[in-house]
C-alpha atoms as a PDB file:
ATOM      1  CA  UNK A   1     -27.852  25.570   8.153  1.00  0.00           C
ATOM      2  CA  UNK A   2     -31.637  25.760   8.038  1.00  0.00           C
ATOM      3  CA  UNK A   3     -32.020  22.020   7.551  1.00  0.00           C
ATOM      4  CA  UNK A   4     -29.640  21.301  10.430  1.00  0.00           C
ATOM      5  CA  UNK A   5     -31.723  23.495  12.715  1.00  0.00           C
ATOM      6  CA  UNK A   6     -34.909  21.769  11.609  1.00  0.00           C
ATOM      7  CA  UNK A   7     -33.403  18.319  12.201  1.00  0.00           C
ATOM      8  CA  UNK A   8     -32.127  19.289  15.665  1.00  0.00           C
ATOM      9  CA  UNK A   9     -35.519  20.810  16.550  1.00  0.00           C
ATOM     10  CA  UNK A  10     -37.392  17.685  15.453  1.00  0.00           C
ATOM     11  CA  UNK A  11     -34.979  15.496  17.402  1.00  0.00           C
ATOM     12  CA  UNK A  12     -35.523  17.622  20.523  1.00  0.00           C
ATOM     13  CA  UNK A  13     -39.282  17.365  20.228  1.00  0.00           C
ATOM     14  CA  UNK A  14     -39.080  13.642  19.500  1.00  0.00           C
ATOM     15  CA  UNK A  15     -36.948  12.854  22.555  1.00  0.00           C
ATOM     16  CA  UNK A  16     -39.065  15.117  24.746  1.00  0.00           C
ATOM     17  CA  UNK A  17     -42.193  13.255  23.625  1.00  0.00           C
ATOM     18  CA  UNK A  18     -40.588   9.872  24.267  1.00  0.00           C
ATOM     19  CA  UNK A  19     -39.739  10.962  27.804  1.00  0.00           C
ATOM     20  CA  UNK A  20     -43.110  12.619  28.369  1.00  0.00           C
ATOM     21  CA  UNK A  21     -45.100   9.556  27.340  1.00  0.00           C
ATOM     22  CA  UNK A  22     -42.631   7.279  29.195  1.00  0.00           C
ATOM     23  CA  UNK A  23     -41.837   5.172  26.148  1.00  0.00           C
ATOM     24  CA  UNK A  24     -38.163   5.346  27.134  1.00  0.00           C
ATOM     25  CA  UNK A  25     -36.720   5.984  30.595  1.00  0.00           C
ATOM     26  CA  UNK A  26     -35.960   9.554  31.586  1.00  0.00           C
ATOM     27  CA  UNK A  27     -32.290   8.645  32.073  1.00  0.00           C
ATOM     28  CA  UNK A  28     -32.014   7.967  28.333  1.00  0.00           C
ATOM     29  CA  UNK A  29     -34.204  10.680  26.833  1.00  0.00           C
ATOM     30  CA  UNK A  30     -33.061  13.628  28.962  1.00  0.00           C
ATOM     31  CA  UNK A  31     -29.388  13.632  27.863  1.00  0.00           C
ATOM     32  CA  UNK A  32     -30.414  13.130  24.235  1.00  0.00           C
ATOM     33  CA  UNK A  33     -32.865  16.019  24.413  1.00  0.00           C
ATOM     34  CA  UNK A  34     -30.350  18.289  26.131  1.00  0.00           C
ATOM     35  CA  UNK A  35     -27.690  17.426  23.544  1.00  0.00           C
ATOM     36  CA  UNK A  36     -30.111  18.426  20.782  1.00  0.00           C
ATOM     37  CA  UNK A  37     -30.836  21.699  22.558  1.00  0.00           C
ATOM     38  CA  UNK A  38     -27.125  22.441  22.951  1.00  0.00           C
ATOM     39  CA  UNK A  39     -26.598  21.724  19.268  1.00  0.00           C
ATOM     40  CA  UNK A  40     -29.356  24.218  18.447  1.00  0.00           C
ATOM     41  CA  UNK A  41     -27.545  26.786  20.606  1.00  0.00           C
ATOM     42  CA  UNK A  42     -24.330  26.147  18.686  1.00  0.00           C
ATOM     43  CA  UNK A  43     -26.097  26.584  15.359  1.00  0.00           C
ATOM     44  CA  UNK A  44     -27.667  29.809  16.600  1.00  0.00           C
ATOM     45  CA  UNK A  45     -24.258  31.061  17.764  1.00  0.00           C
ATOM     46  CA  UNK A  46     -22.915  30.537  14.240  1.00  0.00           C
ATOM     47  CA  UNK A  47     -25.730  32.712  12.943  1.00  0.00           C
ATOM     48  CA  UNK A  48     -24.881  35.400  15.486  1.00  0.00           C
ATOM     49  CA  UNK A  49     -21.219  35.261  14.475  1.00  0.00           C
ATOM     50  CA  UNK A  50     -22.122  35.644  10.796  1.00  0.00           C
ATOM     51  CA  UNK A  51     -24.311  38.658  11.579  1.00  0.00           C
ATOM     52  CA  UNK A  52     -21.462  40.143  13.674  1.00  0.00           C
ATOM     53  CA  UNK A  53     -23.443  40.205  16.913  1.00  0.00           C
ATOM     54  CA  UNK A  54     -20.667  39.565  19.442  1.00  0.00           C
ATOM     55  CA  UNK A  55     -22.894  39.578  22.537  1.00  0.00           C
ATOM     56  CA  UNK A  56     -25.327  37.026  21.171  1.00  0.00           C
ATOM     57  CA  UNK A  57     -22.468  34.866  19.943  1.00  0.00           C
ATOM     58  CA  UNK A  58     -20.774  34.746  23.341  1.00  0.00           C
ATOM     59  CA  UNK A  59     -24.055  34.153  25.169  1.00  0.00           C
ATOM     60  CA  UNK A  60     -25.073  31.252  22.932  1.00  0.00           C
ATOM     61  CA  UNK A  61     -21.624  29.639  23.084  1.00  0.00           C
ATOM     62  CA  UNK A  62     -21.661  29.902  26.873  1.00  0.00           C
ATOM     63  CA  UNK A  63     -25.145  28.404  26.994  1.00  0.00           C
ATOM     64  CA  UNK A  64     -24.162  25.497  24.727  1.00  0.00           C
ATOM     65  CA  UNK A  65     -21.031  24.755  26.774  1.00  0.00           C
ATOM     66  CA  UNK A  66     -23.052  24.827  29.996  1.00  0.00           C
ATOM     67  CA  UNK A  67     -25.687  22.460  28.624  1.00  0.00           C
ATOM     68  CA  UNK A  68     -23.022  20.067  27.328  1.00  0.00           C
ATOM     69  CA  UNK A  69     -21.369  20.176  30.778  1.00  0.00           C
ATOM     70  CA  UNK A  70     -24.708  19.323  32.412  1.00  0.00           C
ATOM     71  CA  UNK A  71     -25.164  16.389  30.043  1.00  0.00           C
ATOM     72  CA  UNK A  72     -21.669  15.077  30.766  1.00  0.00           C
ATOM     73  CA  UNK A  73     -22.176  15.475  34.494  1.00  0.00           C
ATOM     74  CA  UNK A  74     -25.514  13.649  34.515  1.00  0.00           C
ATOM     75  CA  UNK A  75     -24.319  10.827  32.260  1.00  0.00           C
ATOM     76  CA  UNK A  76     -20.948  10.094  33.811  1.00  0.00           C
ATOM     77  CA  UNK A  77     -21.124  11.380  37.391  1.00  0.00           C
ATOM     78  CA  UNK A  78     -24.789  11.641  38.351  1.00  0.00           C
END
């Protein structure tokens, strides 16, 4: 679990840097960065579920679903 969080964090920082320094277009880096952030939220929600924190679990799942919905909207509709 810890290595998955580290990999997702590094990917988020990497895609944010690519977009910030304009090495890749924003249309490509933004959905990739947001997908990495949503994956981090899912991993955090699993930790909340294992520690039996129901409020944190529901909040992180809702956040991850919202971010995935934003990514799908921007990629396919926007």
